[in-house]
């Protein structure tokens, strides 16, 4: 999370960091949607 927030960019773009970072960012977005706004993916996605 610190690398995502502050870099350096070359460390974030390393494949082994970029892949879990992109996943974490998307899952954080989904968690906010589900837990704070009550919109569950399973109820709204085909």
ModelCIF file with pLDDT and N, C-alpha, C, O atoms, coordinates in Angstrom:
data_MODEL
#
_entry.id   MODEL 
#
_entity.id                         1 
_entity.type                       polymer 
_entity.pdbx_number_of_molecules   1 
#
_entity_poly.entity_id                      1 
_entity_poly.type                           'polypeptide(L)' 
_entity_poly.nstd_linkage                   no 
_entity_poly.nstd_monomer                   no 
_entity_poly.pdbx_seq_one_letter_code       
;(UNK)(UNK)(UNK)(UNK)(UNK)(UNK)(UNK)(UNK)(UNK)(UNK)(UNK)(UNK)(UNK)(UNK)(UNK)(UNK)
(UNK)(UNK)(UNK)(UNK)(UNK)(UNK)(UNK)(UNK)(UNK)(UNK)(UNK)(UNK)(UNK)(UNK)(UNK)(UNK)
(UNK)(UNK)(UNK)(UNK)(UNK)(UNK)(UNK)(UNK)(UNK)(UNK)(UNK)(UNK)(UNK)(UNK)
;
_entity_poly.pdbx_seq_one_letter_code_can   XXXXXXXXXXXXXXXXXXXXXXXXXXXXXXXXXXXXXXXXXXXXXX 
_entity_poly.pdbx_strand_id                 A 
#
loop_
_entity_poly_seq.entity_id 
_entity_poly_seq.num 
_entity_poly_seq.mon_id 
_entity_poly_seq.hetero 
1 1  UNK n 
1 2  UNK n 
1 3  UNK n 
1 4  UNK n 
1 5  UNK n 
1 6  UNK n 
1 7  UNK n 
1 8  UNK n 
1 9  UNK n 
1 10 UNK n 
1 11 UNK n 
1 12 UNK n 
1 13 UNK n 
1 14 UNK n 
1 15 UNK n 
1 16 UNK n 
1 17 UNK n 
1 18 UNK n 
1 19 UNK n 
1 20 UNK n 
1 21 UNK n 
1 22 UNK n 
1 23 UNK n 
1 24 UNK n 
1 25 UNK n 
1 26 UNK n 
1 27 UNK n 
1 28 UNK n 
1 29 UNK n 
1 30 UNK n 
1 31 UNK n 
1 32 UNK n 
1 33 UNK n 
1 34 UNK n 
1 35 UNK n 
1 36 UNK n 
1 37 UNK n 
1 38 UNK n 
1 39 UNK n 
1 40 UNK n 
1 41 UNK n 
1 42 UNK n 
1 43 UNK n 
1 44 UNK n 
1 45 UNK n 
1 46 UNK n 
#
_struct_asym.id          A 
_struct_asym.entity_id   1 
#
loop_
_ma_qa_metric.id 
_ma_qa_metric.mode 
_ma_qa_metric.name 
_ma_qa_metric.software_group_id 
_ma_qa_metric.type 
1 global pLDDT . pLDDT 
2 local  pLDDT . pLDDT 
#
_ma_qa_metric_global.metric_id      1 
_ma_qa_metric_global.metric_value   94.46 
_ma_qa_metric_global.model_id       1 
_ma_qa_metric_global.ordinal_id     1 
#
loop_
_ma_qa_metric_local.label_asym_id 
_ma_qa_metric_local.label_comp_id 
_ma_qa_metric_local.label_seq_id 
_ma_qa_metric_local.metric_id 
_ma_qa_metric_local.metric_value 
_ma_qa_metric_local.model_id 
_ma_qa_metric_local.ordinal_id 
A UNK 1  2 96.00 1 1  
A UNK 2  2 96.00 1 2  
A UNK 3  2 95.00 1 3  
A UNK 4  2 95.00 1 4  
A UNK 5  2 94.00 1 5  
A UNK 6  2 93.00 1 6  
A UNK 7  2 88.00 1 7  
A UNK 8  2 94.00 1 8  
A UNK 9  2 90.00 1 9  
A UNK 10 2 87.00 1 10 
A UNK 11 2 91.00 1 11 
A UNK 12 2 92.00 1 12 
A UNK 13 2 86.00 1 13 
A UNK 14 2 87.00 1 14 
A UNK 15 2 89.00 1 15 
A UNK 16 2 92.00 1 16 
A UNK 17 2 94.00 1 17 
A UNK 18 2 92.00 1 18 
A UNK 19 2 94.00 1 19 
A UNK 20 2 96.00 1 20 
A UNK 21 2 96.00 1 21 
A UNK 22 2 96.00 1 22 
A UNK 23 2 97.00 1 23 
A UNK 24 2 97.00 1 24 
A UNK 25 2 97.00 1 25 
A UNK 26 2 98.00 1 26 
A UNK 27 2 98.00 1 27 
A UNK 28 2 98.00 1 28 
A UNK 29 2 98.00 1 29 
A UNK 30 2 98.00 1 30 
A UNK 31 2 97.00 1 31 
A UNK 32 2 97.00 1 32 
A UNK 33 2 97.00 1 33 
A UNK 34 2 96.00 1 34 
A UNK 35 2 95.00 1 35 
A UNK 36 2 94.00 1 36 
A UNK 37 2 94.00 1 37 
A UNK 38 2 94.00 1 38 
A UNK 39 2 95.00 1 39 
A UNK 40 2 95.00 1 40 
A UNK 41 2 96.00 1 41 
A UNK 42 2 95.00 1 42 
A UNK 43 2 95.00 1 43 
A UNK 44 2 96.00 1 44 
A UNK 45 2 97.00 1 45 
A UNK 46 2 98.00 1 46 
#
loop_
_atom_site.group_PDB 
_atom_site.id 
_atom_site.type_symbol 
_atom_site.label_atom_id 
_atom_site.label_alt_id 
_atom_site.label_comp_id 
_atom_site.label_asym_id 
_atom_site.label_entity_id 
_atom_site.label_seq_id 
_atom_site.pdbx_PDB_ins_code 
_atom_site.Cartn_x 
_atom_site.Cartn_y 
_atom_site.Cartn_z 
_atom_site.occupancy 
_atom_site.B_iso_or_equiv 
_atom_site.pdbx_formal_charge 
_atom_site.auth_seq_id 
_atom_site.auth_comp_id 
_atom_site.auth_asym_id 
_atom_site.auth_atom_id 
_atom_site.pdbx_PDB_model_num 
ATOM 1   N N  . UNK A 1 1  ? 0.821   -1.214  0.000   1.00 96.00 ? 1  UNK A N  1 
ATOM 2   C CA . UNK A 1 1  ? 0.000   0.000   0.000   1.00 96.00 ? 1  UNK A CA 1 
ATOM 3   C C  . UNK A 1 1  ? 0.853   1.260   0.000   1.00 96.00 ? 1  UNK A C  1 
ATOM 4   O O  . UNK A 1 1  ? 0.461   2.269   -0.587  1.00 96.00 ? 1  UNK A O  1 
ATOM 5   N N  . UNK A 1 2  ? 2.010   1.219   0.648   1.00 96.00 ? 2  UNK A N  1 
ATOM 6   C CA . UNK A 1 2  ? 2.911   2.374   0.662   1.00 96.00 ? 2  UNK A CA 1 
ATOM 7   C C  . UNK A 1 2  ? 3.535   2.586   -0.710  1.00 96.00 ? 2  UNK A C  1 
ATOM 8   O O  . UNK A 1 2  ? 3.716   3.721   -1.150  1.00 96.00 ? 2  UNK A O  1 
ATOM 9   N N  . UNK A 1 3  ? 3.862   1.484   -1.386  1.00 95.00 ? 3  UNK A N  1 
ATOM 10  C CA . UNK A 1 3  ? 4.410   1.593   -2.748  1.00 95.00 ? 3  UNK A CA 1 
ATOM 11  C C  . UNK A 1 3  ? 3.348   2.144   -3.686  1.00 95.00 ? 3  UNK A C  1 
ATOM 12  O O  . UNK A 1 3  ? 3.643   2.964   -4.555  1.00 95.00 ? 3  UNK A O  1 
ATOM 13  N N  . UNK A 1 4  ? 2.105   1.691   -3.507  1.00 95.00 ? 4  UNK A N  1 
ATOM 14  C CA . UNK A 1 4  ? 1.003   2.200   -4.324  1.00 95.00 ? 4  UNK A CA 1 
ATOM 15  C C  . UNK A 1 4  ? 0.811   3.691   -4.101  1.00 95.00 ? 4  UNK A C  1 
ATOM 16  O O  . UNK A 1 4  ? 0.568   4.441   -5.047  1.00 95.00 ? 4  UNK A O  1 
ATOM 17  N N  . UNK A 1 5  ? 0.919   4.114   -2.862  1.00 94.00 ? 5  UNK A N  1 
ATOM 18  C CA . UNK A 1 5  ? 0.658   5.512   -2.522  1.00 94.00 ? 5  UNK A CA 1 
ATOM 19  C C  . UNK A 1 5  ? 1.791   6.440   -2.941  1.00 94.00 ? 5  UNK A C  1 
ATOM 20  O O  . UNK A 1 5  ? 1.560   7.518   -3.488  1.00 94.00 ? 5  UNK A O  1 
ATOM 21  N N  . UNK A 1 6  ? 3.025   6.002   -2.673  1.00 93.00 ? 6  UNK A N  1 
ATOM 22  C CA . UNK A 1 6  ? 4.164   6.920   -2.793  1.00 93.00 ? 6  UNK A CA 1 
ATOM 23  C C  . UNK A 1 6  ? 5.230   6.490   -3.793  1.00 93.00 ? 6  UNK A C  1 
ATOM 24  O O  . UNK A 1 6  ? 6.174   7.240   -4.040  1.00 93.00 ? 6  UNK A O  1 
ATOM 25  N N  . UNK A 1 7  ? 5.101   5.311   -4.367  1.00 88.00 ? 7  UNK A N  1 
ATOM 26  C CA . UNK A 1 7  ? 6.118   4.844   -5.290  1.00 88.00 ? 7  UNK A CA 1 
ATOM 27  C C  . UNK A 1 7  ? 7.327   4.283   -4.563  1.00 88.00 ? 7  UNK A C  1 
ATOM 28  O O  . UNK A 1 7  ? 7.211   3.859   -3.414  1.00 88.00 ? 7  UNK A O  1 
ATOM 29  N N  . UNK A 1 8  ? 8.491   4.273   -5.213  1.00 94.00 ? 8  UNK A N  1 
ATOM 30  C CA . UNK A 1 8  ? 8.755   4.847   -6.540  1.00 94.00 ? 8  UNK A CA 1 
ATOM 31  C C  . UNK A 1 8  ? 8.052   4.080   -7.662  1.00 94.00 ? 8  UNK A C  1 
ATOM 32  O O  . UNK A 1 8  ? 7.699   2.910   -7.514  1.00 94.00 ? 8  UNK A O  1 
ATOM 33  N N  . UNK A 1 9  ? 7.863   4.766   -8.775  1.00 90.00 ? 9  UNK A N  1 
ATOM 34  C CA . UNK A 1 9  ? 7.097   4.199   -9.882  1.00 90.00 ? 9  UNK A CA 1 
ATOM 35  C C  . UNK A 1 9  ? 7.712   2.905   -10.405 1.00 90.00 ? 9  UNK A C  1 
ATOM 36  O O  . UNK A 1 9  ? 6.990   1.962   -10.729 1.00 90.00 ? 9  UNK A O  1 
ATOM 37  N N  . UNK A 1 10 ? 9.060   2.854   -10.489 1.00 87.00 ? 10 UNK A N  1 
ATOM 38  C CA . UNK A 1 10 ? 9.676   1.649   -11.032 1.00 87.00 ? 10 UNK A CA 1 
ATOM 39  C C  . UNK A 1 10 ? 9.453   0.433   -10.140 1.00 87.00 ? 10 UNK A C  1 
ATOM 40  O O  . UNK A 1 10 ? 9.442   -0.700  -10.621 1.00 87.00 ? 10 UNK A O  1 
ATOM 41  N N  . UNK A 1 11 ? 9.276   0.667   -8.837  1.00 91.00 ? 11 UNK A N  1 
ATOM 42  C CA . UNK A 1 11 ? 8.990   -0.432  -7.923  1.00 91.00 ? 11 UNK A CA 1 
ATOM 43  C C  . UNK A 1 11 ? 7.532   -0.884  -8.065  1.00 91.00 ? 11 UNK A C  1 
ATOM 44  O O  . UNK A 1 11 ? 7.239   -2.078  -8.001  1.00 91.00 ? 11 UNK A O  1 
ATOM 45  N N  . UNK A 1 12 ? 6.635   0.066   -8.255  1.00 92.00 ? 12 UNK A N  1 
ATOM 46  C CA . UNK A 1 12 ? 5.226   -0.277  -8.448  1.00 92.00 ? 12 UNK A CA 1 
ATOM 47  C C  . UNK A 1 12 ? 5.007   -1.022  -9.756  1.00 92.00 ? 12 UNK A C  1 
ATOM 48  O O  . UNK A 1 12 ? 4.178   -1.930  -9.823  1.00 92.00 ? 12 UNK A O  1 
ATOM 49  N N  . UNK A 1 13 ? 5.746   -0.645  -10.799 1.00 86.00 ? 13 UNK A N  1 
ATOM 50  C CA . UNK A 1 13 ? 5.517   -1.259  -12.102 1.00 86.00 ? 13 UNK A CA 1 
ATOM 51  C C  . UNK A 1 13 ? 6.184   -2.628  -12.252 1.00 86.00 ? 13 UNK A C  1 
ATOM 52  O O  . UNK A 1 13 ? 5.955   -3.312  -13.249 1.00 86.00 ? 13 UNK A O  1 
ATOM 53  N N  . UNK A 1 14 ? 7.002   -3.038  -11.285 1.00 87.00 ? 14 UNK A N  1 
ATOM 54  C CA . UNK A 1 14 ? 7.489   -4.412  -11.298 1.00 87.00 ? 14 UNK A CA 1 
ATOM 55  C C  . UNK A 1 14 ? 6.282   -5.345  -11.349 1.00 87.00 ? 14 UNK A C  1 
ATOM 56  O O  . UNK A 1 14 ? 5.329   -5.183  -10.587 1.00 87.00 ? 14 UNK A O  1 
ATOM 57  N N  . UNK A 1 15 ? 6.330   -6.306  -12.238 1.00 89.00 ? 15 UNK A N  1 
ATOM 58  C CA . UNK A 1 15 ? 5.174   -7.172  -12.452 1.00 89.00 ? 15 UNK A CA 1 
ATOM 59  C C  . UNK A 1 15 ? 4.667   -7.805  -11.163 1.00 89.00 ? 15 UNK A C  1 
ATOM 60  O O  . UNK A 1 15 ? 3.458   -7.903  -10.954 1.00 89.00 ? 15 UNK A O  1 
ATOM 61  N N  . UNK A 1 16 ? 5.582   -8.234  -10.297 1.00 92.00 ? 16 UNK A N  1 
ATOM 62  C CA . UNK A 1 16 ? 5.168   -8.912  -9.067  1.00 92.00 ? 16 UNK A CA 1 
ATOM 63  C C  . UNK A 1 16 ? 4.481   -7.971  -8.090  1.00 92.00 ? 16 UNK A C  1 
ATOM 64  O O  . UNK A 1 16 ? 3.767   -8.428  -7.197  1.00 92.00 ? 16 UNK A O  1 
ATOM 65  N N  . UNK A 1 17 ? 4.683   -6.660  -8.241  1.00 94.00 ? 17 UNK A N  1 
ATOM 66  C CA . UNK A 1 17 ? 3.982   -5.677  -7.403  1.00 94.00 ? 17 UNK A CA 1 
ATOM 67  C C  . UNK A 1 17 ? 2.746   -5.125  -8.097  1.00 94.00 ? 17 UNK A C  1 
ATOM 68  O O  . UNK A 1 17 ? 1.705   -4.928  -7.471  1.00 94.00 ? 17 UNK A O  1 
ATOM 69  N N  . UNK A 1 18 ? 2.870   -4.878  -9.402  1.00 92.00 ? 18 UNK A N  1 
ATOM 70  C CA . UNK A 1 18 ? 1.752   -4.283  -10.135 1.00 92.00 ? 18 UNK A CA 1 
ATOM 71  C C  . UNK A 1 18 ? 0.523   -5.173  -10.113 1.00 92.00 ? 18 UNK A C  1 
ATOM 72  O O  . UNK A 1 18 ? -0.597  -4.681  -9.975  1.00 92.00 ? 18 UNK A O  1 
ATOM 73  N N  . UNK A 1 19 ? 0.723   -6.498  -10.250 1.00 94.00 ? 19 UNK A N  1 
ATOM 74  C CA . UNK A 1 19 ? -0.433  -7.380  -10.334 1.00 94.00 ? 19 UNK A CA 1 
ATOM 75  C C  . UNK A 1 19 ? -1.258  -7.396  -9.040  1.00 94.00 ? 19 UNK A C  1 
ATOM 76  O O  . UNK A 1 19 ? -2.470  -7.187  -9.105  1.00 94.00 ? 19 UNK A O  1 
ATOM 77  N N  . UNK A 1 20 ? -0.656  -7.634  -7.872  1.00 96.00 ? 20 UNK A N  1 
ATOM 78  C CA . UNK A 1 20 ? -1.476  -7.563  -6.657  1.00 96.00 ? 20 UNK A CA 1 
ATOM 79  C C  . UNK A 1 20 ? -1.967  -6.156  -6.340  1.00 96.00 ? 20 UNK A C  1 
ATOM 80  O O  . UNK A 1 20 ? -3.021  -6.001  -5.724  1.00 96.00 ? 20 UNK A O  1 
ATOM 81  N N  . UNK A 1 21 ? -1.225  -5.129  -6.746  1.00 96.00 ? 21 UNK A N  1 
ATOM 82  C CA . UNK A 1 21 ? -1.655  -3.755  -6.482  1.00 96.00 ? 21 UNK A CA 1 
ATOM 83  C C  . UNK A 1 21 ? -2.935  -3.409  -7.236  1.00 96.00 ? 21 UNK A C  1 
ATOM 84  O O  . UNK A 1 21 ? -3.856  -2.813  -6.677  1.00 96.00 ? 21 UNK A O  1 
ATOM 85  N N  . UNK A 1 22 ? -2.982  -3.784  -8.496  1.00 96.00 ? 22 UNK A N  1 
ATOM 86  C CA . UNK A 1 22 ? -4.174  -3.507  -9.306  1.00 96.00 ? 22 UNK A CA 1 
ATOM 87  C C  . UNK A 1 22 ? -5.375  -4.268  -8.746  1.00 96.00 ? 22 UNK A C  1 
ATOM 88  O O  . UNK A 1 22 ? -6.485  -3.740  -8.676  1.00 96.00 ? 22 UNK A O  1 
ATOM 89  N N  . UNK A 1 23 ? -5.135  -5.504  -8.352  1.00 97.00 ? 23 UNK A N  1 
ATOM 90  C CA . UNK A 1 23 ? -6.202  -6.297  -7.732  1.00 97.00 ? 23 UNK A CA 1 
ATOM 91  C C  . UNK A 1 23 ? -6.692  -5.649  -6.444  1.00 97.00 ? 23 UNK A C  1 
ATOM 92  O O  . UNK A 1 23 ? -7.897  -5.521  -6.230  1.00 97.00 ? 23 UNK A O  1 
ATOM 93  N N  . UNK A 1 24 ? -5.751  -5.236  -5.576  1.00 97.00 ? 24 UNK A N  1 
ATOM 94  C CA . UNK A 1 24 ? -6.121  -4.639  -4.294  1.00 97.00 ? 24 UNK A CA 1 
ATOM 95  C C  . UNK A 1 24 ? -6.941  -3.372  -4.496  1.00 97.00 ? 24 UNK A C  1 
ATOM 96  O O  . UNK A 1 24 ? -7.911  -3.137  -3.775  1.00 97.00 ? 24 UNK A O  1 
ATOM 97  N N  . UNK A 1 25 ? -6.561  -2.564  -5.460  1.00 97.00 ? 25 UNK A N  1 
ATOM 98  C CA . UNK A 1 25 ? -7.285  -1.326  -5.728  1.00 97.00 ? 25 UNK A CA 1 
ATOM 99  C C  . UNK A 1 25 ? -8.719  -1.598  -6.169  1.00 97.00 ? 25 UNK A C  1 
ATOM 100 O O  . UNK A 1 25 ? -9.652  -0.933  -5.719  1.00 97.00 ? 25 UNK A O  1 
ATOM 101 N N  . UNK A 1 26 ? -8.887  -2.578  -7.051  1.00 98.00 ? 26 UNK A N  1 
ATOM 102 C CA . UNK A 1 26 ? -10.227 -2.922  -7.519  1.00 98.00 ? 26 UNK A CA 1 
ATOM 103 C C  . UNK A 1 26 ? -11.070 -3.529  -6.405  1.00 98.00 ? 26 UNK A C  1 
ATOM 104 O O  . UNK A 1 26 ? -12.255 -3.220  -6.281  1.00 98.00 ? 26 UNK A O  1 
ATOM 105 N N  . UNK A 1 27 ? -10.456 -4.401  -5.588  1.00 98.00 ? 27 UNK A N  1 
ATOM 106 C CA . UNK A 1 27 ? -11.202 -5.022  -4.500  1.00 98.00 ? 27 UNK A CA 1 
ATOM 107 C C  . UNK A 1 27 ? -11.557 -4.019  -3.402  1.00 98.00 ? 27 UNK A C  1 
ATOM 108 O O  . UNK A 1 27 ? -12.597 -4.147  -2.756  1.00 98.00 ? 27 UNK A O  1 
ATOM 109 N N  . UNK A 1 28 ? -10.701 -3.027  -3.190  1.00 98.00 ? 28 UNK A N  1 
ATOM 110 C CA . UNK A 1 28 ? -11.039 -1.964  -2.237  1.00 98.00 ? 28 UNK A CA 1 
ATOM 111 C C  . UNK A 1 28 ? -12.261 -1.194  -2.732  1.00 98.00 ? 28 UNK A C  1 
ATOM 112 O O  . UNK A 1 28 ? -13.147 -0.843  -1.952  1.00 98.00 ? 28 UNK A O  1 
ATOM 113 N N  . UNK A 1 29 ? -12.296 -0.938  -4.029  1.00 98.00 ? 29 UNK A N  1 
ATOM 114 C CA . UNK A 1 29 ? -13.445 -0.251  -4.623  1.00 98.00 ? 29 UNK A CA 1 
ATOM 115 C C  . UNK A 1 29 ? -14.718 -1.058  -4.424  1.00 98.00 ? 29 UNK A C  1 
ATOM 116 O O  . UNK A 1 29 ? -15.757 -0.513  -4.050  1.00 98.00 ? 29 UNK A O  1 
ATOM 117 N N  . UNK A 1 30 ? -14.632 -2.353  -4.675  1.00 98.00 ? 30 UNK A N  1 
ATOM 118 C CA . UNK A 1 30 ? -15.798 -3.222  -4.498  1.00 98.00 ? 30 UNK A CA 1 
ATOM 119 C C  . UNK A 1 30 ? -16.216 -3.291  -3.028  1.00 98.00 ? 30 UNK A C  1 
ATOM 120 O O  . UNK A 1 30 ? -17.407 -3.281  -2.717  1.00 98.00 ? 30 UNK A O  1 
ATOM 121 N N  . UNK A 1 31 ? -15.241 -3.361  -2.131  1.00 97.00 ? 31 UNK A N  1 
ATOM 122 C CA . UNK A 1 31 ? -15.567 -3.445  -0.708  1.00 97.00 ? 31 UNK A CA 1 
ATOM 123 C C  . UNK A 1 31 ? -16.295 -2.196  -0.229  1.00 97.00 ? 31 UNK A C  1 
ATOM 124 O O  . UNK A 1 31 ? -17.229 -2.287  0.568   1.00 97.00 ? 31 UNK A O  1 
ATOM 125 N N  . UNK A 1 32 ? -15.878 -1.047  -0.706  1.00 97.00 ? 32 UNK A N  1 
ATOM 126 C CA . UNK A 1 32 ? -16.579 0.200   -0.361  1.00 97.00 ? 32 UNK A CA 1 
ATOM 127 C C  . UNK A 1 32 ? -18.010 0.153   -0.885  1.00 97.00 ? 32 UNK A C  1 
ATOM 128 O O  . UNK A 1 32 ? -18.951 0.495   -0.169  1.00 97.00 ? 32 UNK A O  1 
ATOM 129 N N  . UNK A 1 33 ? -18.168 -0.268  -2.123  1.00 97.00 ? 33 UNK A N  1 
ATOM 130 C CA . UNK A 1 33 ? -19.501 -0.350  -2.730  1.00 97.00 ? 33 UNK A CA 1 
ATOM 131 C C  . UNK A 1 33 ? -20.408 -1.276  -1.932  1.00 97.00 ? 33 UNK A C  1 
ATOM 132 O O  . UNK A 1 33 ? -21.577 -0.964  -1.706  1.00 97.00 ? 33 UNK A O  1 
ATOM 133 N N  . UNK A 1 34 ? -19.869 -2.420  -1.503  1.00 96.00 ? 34 UNK A N  1 
ATOM 134 C CA . UNK A 1 34 ? -20.695 -3.409  -0.818  1.00 96.00 ? 34 UNK A CA 1 
ATOM 135 C C  . UNK A 1 34 ? -20.943 -3.053  0.638   1.00 96.00 ? 34 UNK A C  1 
ATOM 136 O O  . UNK A 1 34 ? -22.080 -3.119  1.103   1.00 96.00 ? 34 UNK A O  1 
ATOM 137 N N  . UNK A 1 35 ? -19.886 -2.671  1.372   1.00 95.00 ? 35 UNK A N  1 
ATOM 138 C CA . UNK A 1 35 ? -20.024 -2.500  2.815   1.00 95.00 ? 35 UNK A CA 1 
ATOM 139 C C  . UNK A 1 35 ? -20.542 -1.124  3.210   1.00 95.00 ? 35 UNK A C  1 
ATOM 140 O O  . UNK A 1 35 ? -21.233 -0.993  4.220   1.00 95.00 ? 35 UNK A O  1 
ATOM 141 N N  . UNK A 1 36 ? -20.219 -0.103  2.434   1.00 94.00 ? 36 UNK A N  1 
ATOM 142 C CA . UNK A 1 36 ? -20.637 1.254   2.815   1.00 94.00 ? 36 UNK A CA 1 
ATOM 143 C C  . UNK A 1 36 ? -21.897 1.715   2.097   1.00 94.00 ? 36 UNK A C  1 
ATOM 144 O O  . UNK A 1 36 ? -22.594 2.611   2.573   1.00 94.00 ? 36 UNK A O  1 
ATOM 145 N N  . UNK A 1 37 ? -22.191 1.106   0.952   1.00 94.00 ? 37 UNK A N  1 
ATOM 146 C CA . UNK A 1 37 ? -23.377 1.538   0.199   1.00 94.00 ? 37 UNK A CA 1 
ATOM 147 C C  . UNK A 1 37 ? -24.385 0.417   -0.010  1.00 94.00 ? 37 UNK A C  1 
ATOM 148 O O  . UNK A 1 37 ? -25.433 0.624   -0.622  1.00 94.00 ? 37 UNK A O  1 
ATOM 149 N N  . UNK A 1 38 ? -24.070 -0.767  0.498   1.00 94.00 ? 38 UNK A N  1 
ATOM 150 C CA . UNK A 1 38 ? -25.033 -1.863  0.467   1.00 94.00 ? 38 UNK A CA 1 
ATOM 151 C C  . UNK A 1 38 ? -25.327 -2.442  -0.898  1.00 94.00 ? 38 UNK A C  1 
ATOM 152 O O  . UNK A 1 38 ? -26.358 -3.086  -1.093  1.00 94.00 ? 38 UNK A O  1 
ATOM 153 N N  . UNK A 1 39 ? -24.413 -2.215  -1.865  1.00 95.00 ? 39 UNK A N  1 
ATOM 154 C CA . UNK A 1 39 ? -24.605 -2.739  -3.214  1.00 95.00 ? 39 UNK A CA 1 
ATOM 155 C C  . UNK A 1 39 ? -23.725 -3.983  -3.371  1.00 95.00 ? 39 UNK A C  1 
ATOM 156 O O  . UNK A 1 39 ? -22.516 -3.865  -3.565  1.00 95.00 ? 39 UNK A O  1 
ATOM 157 N N  . UNK A 1 40 ? -24.324 -5.166  -3.287  1.00 95.00 ? 40 UNK A N  1 
ATOM 158 C CA . UNK A 1 40 ? -23.582 -6.420  -3.383  1.00 95.00 ? 40 UNK A CA 1 
ATOM 159 C C  . UNK A 1 40 ? -23.463 -6.856  -4.840  1.00 95.00 ? 40 UNK A C  1 
ATOM 160 O O  . UNK A 1 40 ? -24.448 -6.881  -5.578  1.00 95.00 ? 40 UNK A O  1 
ATOM 161 N N  . UNK A 1 41 ? -22.257 -7.193  -5.236  1.00 96.00 ? 41 UNK A N  1 
ATOM 162 C CA . UNK A 1 41 ? -22.029 -7.631  -6.609  1.00 96.00 ? 41 UNK A CA 1 
ATOM 163 C C  . UNK A 1 41 ? -22.966 -8.773  -6.986  1.00 96.00 ? 41 UNK A C  1 
ATOM 164 O O  . UNK A 1 41 ? -23.541 -8.770  -8.074  1.00 96.00 ? 41 UNK A O  1 
ATOM 165 N N  . UNK A 1 42 ? -23.120 -9.738  -6.103  1.00 95.00 ? 42 UNK A N  1 
ATOM 166 C CA . UNK A 1 42 ? -23.929 -10.914 -6.415  1.00 95.00 ? 42 UNK A CA 1 
ATOM 167 C C  . UNK A 1 42 ? -25.388 -10.569 -6.701  1.00 95.00 ? 42 UNK A C  1 
ATOM 168 O O  . UNK A 1 42 ? -26.084 -11.322 -7.383  1.00 95.00 ? 42 UNK A O  1 
ATOM 169 N N  . UNK A 1 43 ? -25.851 -9.430  -6.179  1.00 95.00 ? 43 UNK A N  1 
ATOM 170 C CA . UNK A 1 43 ? -27.237 -9.018  -6.390  1.00 95.00 ? 43 UNK A CA 1 
ATOM 171 C C  . UNK A 1 43 ? -27.430 -8.213  -7.669  1.00 95.00 ? 43 UNK A C  1 
ATOM 172 O O  . UNK A 1 43 ? -28.548 -8.091  -8.170  1.00 95.00 ? 43 UNK A O  1 
ATOM 173 N N  . UNK A 1 44 ? -26.327 -7.660  -8.200  1.00 96.00 ? 44 UNK A N  1 
ATOM 174 C CA . UNK A 1 44 ? -26.459 -6.714  -9.310  1.00 96.00 ? 44 UNK A CA 1 
ATOM 175 C C  . UNK A 1 44 ? -25.681 -7.092  -10.558 1.00 96.00 ? 44 UNK A C  1 
ATOM 176 O O  . UNK A 1 44 ? -25.791 -6.404  -11.573 1.00 96.00 ? 44 UNK A O  1 
ATOM 177 N N  . UNK A 1 45 ? -24.898 -8.164  -10.516 1.00 97.00 ? 45 UNK A N  1 
ATOM 178 C CA . UNK A 1 45 ? -24.107 -8.576  -11.680 1.00 97.00 ? 45 UNK A CA 1 
ATOM 179 C C  . UNK A 1 45 ? -24.620 -9.898  -12.230 1.00 97.00 ? 45 UNK A C  1 
ATOM 180 O O  . UNK A 1 45 ? -24.839 -10.853 -11.484 1.00 97.00 ? 45 UNK A O  1 
ATOM 181 N N  . UNK A 1 46 ? -24.809 -9.941  -13.540 1.00 98.00 ? 46 UNK A N  1 
ATOM 182 C CA . UNK A 1 46 ? -25.168 -11.196 -14.202 1.00 98.00 ? 46 UNK A CA 1 
ATOM 183 C C  . UNK A 1 46 ? -23.923 -12.043 -14.442 1.00 98.00 ? 46 UNK A C  1 
ATOM 184 O O  . UNK A 1 46 ? -24.020 -13.140 -14.991 1.00 98.00 ? 46 UNK A O  1 
#
